Amino acid sequence: ADDERFSANFKRSANREELRALIVE
């Protein structure tokens, strides 16, 4: 939740491939 890559929607959208890999895992 506090990971700097994902701490706001615009960051999650910009880093969606990294986040997607974590969710799929």
PDB file of all heavy atoms in Angstrom:
ATOM      1  N   ALA A   1       0.822  -1.216   0.000  1.00  0.00           N
ATOM      2  CA  ALA A   1       0.000   0.000   0.000  1.00  0.00           C
ATOM      3  C   ALA A   1       0.853   1.262   0.000  1.00  0.00           C
ATOM      4  O   ALA A   1       0.477   2.284  -0.581  1.00  0.00           O
ATOM      5  CB  ALA A   1      -0.945  -0.009   1.199  1.00  0.00           C
ATOM      6  N   ASP A   2       2.024   1.191   0.655  1.00  0.00           N
ATOM      7  CA  ASP A   2       2.892   2.361   0.757  1.00  0.00           C
ATOM      8  C   ASP A   2       4.124   2.267  -0.145  1.00  0.00           C
ATOM      9  O   ASP A   2       5.017   3.115  -0.062  1.00  0.00           O
ATOM     10  CB  ASP A   2       3.335   2.557   2.203  1.00  0.00           C
ATOM     11  CG  ASP A   2       2.170   2.870   3.125  1.00  0.00           C
ATOM     12  OD1 ASP A   2       1.363   3.753   2.758  1.00  0.00           O
ATOM     13  OD2 ASP A   2       2.049   2.226   4.186  1.00  0.00           O
ATOM     14  N   ASP A   3       4.158   1.233  -0.990  1.00  0.00           N
ATOM     15  CA  ASP A   3       5.263   1.105  -1.940  1.00  0.00           C
ATOM     16  C   ASP A   3       5.267   2.338  -2.848  1.00  0.00           C
ATOM     17  O   ASP A   3       4.245   2.722  -3.416  1.00  0.00           O
ATOM     18  CB  ASP A   3       5.082  -0.161  -2.769  1.00  0.00           C
ATOM     19  CG  ASP A   3       6.286  -0.494  -3.627  1.00  0.00           C
ATOM     20  OD1 ASP A   3       6.710   0.382  -4.419  1.00  0.00           O
ATOM     21  OD2 ASP A   3       6.794  -1.626  -3.526  1.00  0.00           O
ATOM     22  N   GLU A   4       6.394   2.983  -2.981  1.00  0.00           N
ATOM     23  CA  GLU A   4       6.480   4.237  -3.717  1.00  0.00           C
ATOM     24  C   GLU A   4       6.029   4.093  -5.172  1.00  0.00           C
ATOM     25  O   GLU A   4       5.555   5.047  -5.785  1.00  0.00           O
ATOM     26  CB  GLU A   4       7.923   4.767  -3.667  1.00  0.00           C
ATOM     27  CG  GLU A   4       8.098   6.172  -4.212  1.00  0.00           C
ATOM     28  CD  GLU A   4       7.255   7.216  -3.478  1.00  0.00           C
ATOM     29  OE1 GLU A   4       7.001   7.029  -2.258  1.00  0.00           O
ATOM     30  OE2 GLU A   4       6.842   8.199  -4.122  1.00  0.00           O
ATOM     31  N   ARG A   5       6.126   2.896  -5.723  1.00  0.00           N
ATOM     32  CA  ARG A   5       5.716   2.681  -7.111  1.00  0.00           C
ATOM     33  C   ARG A   5       4.203   2.718  -7.277  1.00  0.00           C
ATOM     34  O   ARG A   5       3.687   2.987  -8.370  1.00  0.00           O
ATOM     35  CB  ARG A   5       6.231   1.321  -7.605  1.00  0.00           C
ATOM     36  CG  ARG A   5       7.743   1.186  -7.683  1.00  0.00           C
ATOM     37  CD  ARG A   5       8.129  -0.261  -7.950  1.00  0.00           C
ATOM     38  NE  ARG A   5       7.714  -1.145  -6.855  1.00  0.00           N
ATOM     39  CZ  ARG A   5       7.794  -2.479  -6.886  1.00  0.00           C
ATOM     40  NH1 ARG A   5       8.231  -3.091  -8.003  1.00  0.00           N
ATOM     41  NH2 ARG A   5       7.429  -3.202  -5.837  1.00  0.00           N
ATOM     42  N   PHE A   6       3.474   2.445  -6.167  1.00  0.00           N
ATOM     43  CA  PHE A   6       2.028   2.232  -6.272  1.00  0.00           C
ATOM     44  C   PHE A   6       1.214   3.102  -5.318  1.00  0.00           C
ATOM     45  O   PHE A   6       0.028   2.864  -5.122  1.00  0.00           O
ATOM     46  CB  PHE A   6       1.712   0.755  -5.971  1.00  0.00           C
ATOM     47  CG  PHE A   6       2.585  -0.244  -6.681  1.00  0.00           C
ATOM     48  CD1 PHE A   6       3.215  -1.267  -5.973  1.00  0.00           C
ATOM     49  CD2 PHE A   6       2.795  -0.166  -8.052  1.00  0.00           C
ATOM     50  CE1 PHE A   6       4.010  -2.202  -6.612  1.00  0.00           C
ATOM     51  CE2 PHE A   6       3.596  -1.090  -8.705  1.00  0.00           C
ATOM     52  CZ  PHE A   6       4.213  -2.107  -7.987  1.00  0.00           C
ATOM     53  N   SER A   7       1.807   4.118  -4.730  1.00  0.00           N
ATOM     54  CA  SER A   7       1.162   4.853  -3.638  1.00  0.00           C
ATOM     55  C   SER A   7       0.134   5.894  -4.094  1.00  0.00           C
ATOM     56  O   SER A   7      -0.436   6.598  -3.273  1.00  0.00           O
ATOM     57  CB  SER A   7       2.234   5.533  -2.772  1.00  0.00           C
ATOM     58  OG  SER A   7       3.021   6.422  -3.558  1.00  0.00           O
ATOM     59  N   ALA A   8      -0.125   6.003  -5.380  1.00  0.00           N
ATOM     60  CA  ALA A   8      -1.190   6.860  -5.908  1.00  0.00           C
ATOM     61  C   ALA A   8      -1.652   6.251  -7.225  1.00  0.00           C
ATOM     62  O   ALA A   8      -0.891   5.520  -7.884  1.00  0.00           O
ATOM     63  CB  ALA A   8      -0.701   8.287  -6.129  1.00  0.00           C
ATOM     64  N   ASN A   9      -2.866   6.552  -7.618  1.00  0.00           N
ATOM     65  CA  ASN A   9      -3.401   5.916  -8.824  1.00  0.00           C
ATOM     66  C   ASN A   9      -2.536   6.193 -10.048  1.00  0.00           C
ATOM     67  O   ASN A   9      -2.286   5.292 -10.850  1.00  0.00           O
ATOM     68  CB  ASN A   9      -4.832   6.366  -9.095  1.00  0.00           C
ATOM     69  CG  ASN A   9      -5.342   5.803 -10.412  1.00  0.00           C
ATOM     70  OD1 ASN A   9      -5.518   4.609 -10.558  1.00  0.00           O
ATOM     71  ND2 ASN A   9      -5.529   6.667 -11.400  1.00  0.00           N
ATOM     72  N   PHE A  10      -2.063   7.431 -10.224  1.00  0.00           N
ATOM     73  CA  PHE A  10      -1.281   7.720 -11.427  1.00  0.00           C
ATOM     74  C   PHE A  10       0.019   6.910 -11.434  1.00  0.00           C
ATOM     75  O   PHE A  10       0.521   6.542 -12.495  1.00  0.00           O
ATOM     76  CB  PHE A  10      -1.010   9.228 -11.560  1.00  0.00           C
ATOM     77  CG  PHE A  10       0.002   9.788 -10.613  1.00  0.00           C
ATOM     78  CD1 PHE A  10       1.348   9.860 -10.959  1.00  0.00           C
ATOM     79  CD2 PHE A  10      -0.386  10.261  -9.359  1.00  0.00           C
ATOM     80  CE1 PHE A  10       2.276  10.387 -10.083  1.00  0.00           C
ATOM     81  CE2 PHE A  10       0.547  10.795  -8.483  1.00  0.00           C
ATOM     82  CZ  PHE A  10       1.886  10.861  -8.827  1.00  0.00           C
ATOM     83  N   LYS A  11       0.547   6.595 -10.230  1.00  0.00           N
ATOM     84  CA  LYS A  11       1.748   5.758 -10.164  1.00  0.00           C
ATOM     85  C   LYS A  11       1.400   4.309 -10.499  1.00  0.00           C
ATOM     86  O   LYS A  11       2.143   3.627 -11.208  1.00  0.00           O
ATOM     87  CB  LYS A  11       2.380   5.839  -8.780  1.00  0.00           C
ATOM     88  CG  LYS A  11       2.906   7.221  -8.418  1.00  0.00           C
ATOM     89  CD  LYS A  11       3.504   7.210  -7.015  1.00  0.00           C
ATOM     90  CE  LYS A  11       4.035   8.570  -6.615  1.00  0.00           C
ATOM     91  NZ  LYS A  11       4.611   8.569  -5.240  1.00  0.00           N
ATOM     92  N   ARG A  12       0.282   3.827  -9.963  1.00  0.00           N
ATOM     93  CA  ARG A  12      -0.132   2.447 -10.265  1.00  0.00           C
ATOM     94  C   ARG A  12      -0.395   2.273 -11.757  1.00  0.00           C
ATOM     95  O   ARG A  12      -0.045   1.248 -12.343  1.00  0.00           O
ATOM     96  CB  ARG A  12      -1.387   2.079  -9.459  1.00  0.00           C
ATOM     97  CG  ARG A  12      -1.142   2.001  -7.961  1.00  0.00           C
ATOM     98  CD  ARG A  12      -2.313   1.376  -7.230  1.00  0.00           C
ATOM     99  NE  ARG A  12      -3.497   2.223  -7.203  1.00  0.00           N
ATOM    100  CZ  ARG A  12      -3.739   3.173  -6.305  1.00  0.00           C
ATOM    101  NH1 ARG A  12      -2.838   3.422  -5.347  1.00  0.00           N
ATOM    102  NH2 ARG A  12      -4.858   3.872  -6.330  1.00  0.00           N
ATOM    103  N   SER A  13      -1.001   3.298 -12.367  1.00  0.00           N
ATOM    104  CA  SER A  13      -1.278   3.212 -13.801  1.00  0.00           C
ATOM    105  C   SER A  13       0.022   3.229 -14.607  1.00  0.00           C
ATOM    106  O   SER A  13       0.178   2.466 -15.562  1.00  0.00           O
ATOM    107  CB  SER A  13      -2.188   4.372 -14.219  1.00  0.00           C
ATOM    108  OG  SER A  13      -2.596   4.237 -15.556  1.00  0.00           O
ATOM    109  N   ALA A  14       0.957   4.074 -14.216  1.00  0.00           N
ATOM    110  CA  ALA A  14       2.240   4.151 -14.926  1.00  0.00           C
ATOM    111  C   ALA A  14       3.054   2.878 -14.769  1.00  0.00           C
ATOM    112  O   ALA A  14       3.794   2.481 -15.683  1.00  0.00           O
ATOM    113  CB  ALA A  14       3.032   5.355 -14.431  1.00  0.00           C
ATOM    114  N   ASN A  15       2.914   2.214 -13.615  1.00  0.00           N
ATOM    115  CA  ASN A  15       3.690   0.998 -13.331  1.00  0.00           C
ATOM    116  C   ASN A  15       2.800  -0.247 -13.353  1.00  0.00           C
ATOM    117  O   ASN A  15       3.027  -1.192 -12.617  1.00  0.00           O
ATOM    118  CB  ASN A  15       4.369   1.128 -11.963  1.00  0.00           C
ATOM    119  CG  ASN A  15       5.371   2.261 -11.930  1.00  0.00           C
ATOM    120  OD1 ASN A  15       6.279   2.326 -12.752  1.00  0.00           O
ATOM    121  ND2 ASN A  15       5.200   3.182 -10.981  1.00  0.00           N
ATOM    122  N   ARG A  16       1.811  -0.236 -14.226  1.00  0.00           N
ATOM    123  CA  ARG A  16       0.809  -1.298 -14.207  1.00  0.00           C
ATOM    124  C   ARG A  16       1.384  -2.673 -14.516  1.00  0.00           C
ATOM    125  O   ARG A  16       0.886  -3.675 -14.002  1.00  0.00           O
ATOM    126  CB  ARG A  16      -0.362  -0.974 -15.134  1.00  0.00           C
ATOM    127  CG  ARG A  16      -0.039  -0.859 -16.605  1.00  0.00           C
ATOM    128  CD  ARG A  16      -1.318  -0.633 -17.430  1.00  0.00           C
ATOM    129  NE  ARG A  16      -2.080   0.530 -17.002  1.00  0.00           N
ATOM    130  CZ  ARG A  16      -3.385   0.689 -17.213  1.00  0.00           C
ATOM    131  NH1 ARG A  16      -4.078  -0.247 -17.838  1.00  0.00           N
ATOM    132  NH2 ARG A  16      -3.995   1.790 -16.823  1.00  0.00           N
ATOM    133  N   GLU A  17       2.413  -2.757 -15.342  1.00  0.00           N
ATOM    134  CA  GLU A  17       2.966  -4.075 -15.661  1.00  0.00           C
ATOM    135  C   GLU A  17       3.605  -4.720 -14.430  1.00  0.00           C
ATOM    136  O   GLU A  17       3.430  -5.919 -14.180  1.00  0.00           O
ATOM    137  CB  GLU A  17       3.969  -3.975 -16.811  1.00  0.00           C
ATOM    138  CG  GLU A  17       3.343  -3.601 -18.139  1.00  0.00           C
ATOM    139  CD  GLU A  17       2.205  -4.534 -18.534  1.00  0.00           C
ATOM    140  OE1 GLU A  17       2.330  -5.758 -18.321  1.00  0.00           O
ATOM    141  OE2 GLU A  17       1.175  -4.034 -19.042  1.00  0.00           O
ATOM    142  N   GLU A  18       4.339  -3.923 -13.654  1.00  0.00           N
ATOM    143  CA  GLU A  18       4.920  -4.451 -12.419  1.00  0.00           C
ATOM    144  C   GLU A  18       3.833  -4.858 -11.433  1.00  0.00           C
ATOM    145  O   GLU A  18       3.906  -5.923 -10.803  1.00  0.00           O
ATOM    146  CB  GLU A  18       5.822  -3.398 -11.765  1.00  0.00           C
ATOM    147  CG  GLU A  18       7.071  -3.052 -12.557  1.00  0.00           C
ATOM    148  CD  GLU A  18       7.813  -1.900 -11.896  1.00  0.00           C
ATOM    149  OE1 GLU A  18       8.413  -2.137 -10.822  1.00  0.00           O
ATOM    150  OE2 GLU A  18       7.783  -0.786 -12.443  1.00  0.00           O
ATOM    151  N   LEU A  19       2.823  -4.021 -11.281  1.00  0.00           N
ATOM    152  CA  LEU A  19       1.752  -4.327 -10.343  1.00  0.00           C
ATOM    153  C   LEU A  19       0.940  -5.524 -10.817  1.00  0.00           C
ATOM    154  O   LEU A  19       0.549  -6.378 -10.009  1.00  0.00           O
ATOM    155  CB  LEU A  19       0.849  -3.101 -10.166  1.00  0.00           C
ATOM    156  CG  LEU A  19      -0.326  -3.253  -9.194  1.00  0.00           C
ATOM    157  CD1 LEU A  19       0.128  -3.794  -7.845  1.00  0.00           C
ATOM    158  CD2 LEU A  19      -1.047  -1.915  -9.030  1.00  0.00           C
ATOM    159  N   ARG A  20       0.707  -5.594 -12.113  1.00  0.00           N
ATOM    160  CA  ARG A  20      -0.056  -6.727 -12.639  1.00  0.00           C
ATOM    161  C   ARG A  20       0.664  -8.039 -12.316  1.00  0.00           C
ATOM    162  O   ARG A  20       0.021  -9.023 -11.929  1.00  0.00           O
ATOM    163  CB  ARG A  20      -0.260  -6.586 -14.149  1.00  0.00           C
ATOM    164  CG  ARG A  20      -1.063  -7.749 -14.738  1.00  0.00           C
ATOM    165  CD  ARG A  20      -1.396  -7.551 -16.211  1.00  0.00           C
ATOM    166  NE  ARG A  20      -2.265  -8.618 -16.650  1.00  0.00           N
ATOM    167  CZ  ARG A  20      -3.574  -8.642 -16.466  1.00  0.00           C
ATOM    168  NH1 ARG A  20      -4.175  -7.646 -15.849  1.00  0.00           N
ATOM    169  NH2 ARG A  20      -4.296  -9.660 -16.886  1.00  0.00           N
ATOM    170  N   ALA A  21       1.973  -8.060 -12.462  1.00  0.00           N
ATOM    171  CA  ALA A  21       2.735  -9.283 -12.174  1.00  0.00           C
ATOM    172  C   ALA A  21       2.566  -9.688 -10.713  1.00  0.00           C
ATOM    173  O   ALA A  21       2.418 -10.887 -10.404  1.00  0.00           O
ATOM    174  CB  ALA A  21       4.206  -9.054 -12.511  1.00  0.00           C
ATOM    175  N   LEU A  22       2.548  -8.728  -9.797  1.00  0.00           N
ATOM    176  CA  LEU A  22       2.369  -9.038  -8.376  1.00  0.00           C
ATOM    177  C   LEU A  22       0.964  -9.576  -8.097  1.00  0.00           C
ATOM    178  O   LEU A  22       0.784 -10.505  -7.300  1.00  0.00           O
ATOM    179  CB  LEU A  22       2.621  -7.792  -7.536  1.00  0.00           C
ATOM    180  CG  LEU A  22       4.069  -7.271  -7.532  1.00  0.00           C
ATOM    181  CD1 LEU A  22       4.150  -5.919  -6.849  1.00  0.00           C
ATOM    182  CD2 LEU A  22       4.980  -8.285  -6.835  1.00  0.00           C
ATOM    183  N   ILE A  23      -0.049  -9.004  -8.770  1.00  0.00           N
ATOM    184  CA  ILE A  23      -1.426  -9.464  -8.564  1.00  0.00           C
ATOM    185  C   ILE A  23      -1.608 -10.867  -9.128  1.00  0.00           C
ATOM    186  O   ILE A  23      -2.182 -11.747  -8.467  1.00  0.00           O
ATOM    187  CB  ILE A  23      -2.420  -8.474  -9.226  1.00  0.00           C
ATOM    188  CG1 ILE A  23      -2.359  -7.126  -8.519  1.00  0.00           C
ATOM    189  CG2 ILE A  23      -3.844  -9.034  -9.199  1.00  0.00           C
ATOM    190  CD1 ILE A  23      -3.146  -6.025  -9.235  1.00  0.00           C
ATOM    191  N   VAL A  24      -1.108 -11.098 -10.341  1.00  0.00           N
ATOM    192  CA  VAL A  24      -1.230 -12.423 -10.955  1.00  0.00           C
ATOM    193  C   VAL A  24      -0.512 -13.468 -10.109  1.00  0.00           C
ATOM    194  O   VAL A  24      -0.998 -14.592  -9.933  1.00  0.00           O
ATOM    195  CB  VAL A  24      -0.678 -12.391 -12.391  1.00  0.00           C
ATOM    196  CG1 VAL A  24      -0.556 -13.806 -12.955  1.00  0.00           C
ATOM    197  CG2 VAL A  24      -1.587 -11.544 -13.293  1.00  0.00           C
ATOM    198  N   GLU A  25       0.630 -13.094  -9.558  1.00  0.00           N
ATOM    199  CA  GLU A  25       1.369 -14.013  -8.685  1.00  0.00           C
ATOM    200  C   GLU A  25       0.542 -14.370  -7.454  1.00  0.00           C
ATOM    201  O   GLU A  25       0.472 -15.535  -7.050  1.00  0.00           O
ATOM    202  CB  GLU A  25       2.686 -13.382  -8.260  1.00  0.00           C
ATOM    203  CG  GLU A  25       3.541 -14.273  -7.346  1.00  0.00           C
ATOM    204  CD  GLU A  25       4.809 -13.576  -6.865  1.00  0.00           C
ATOM    205  OE1 GLU A  25       4.955 -12.359  -7.093  1.00  0.00           O
ATOM    206  OE2 GLU A  25       5.653 -14.261  -6.246  1.00  0.00           O
TER     207      GLU A  25
END
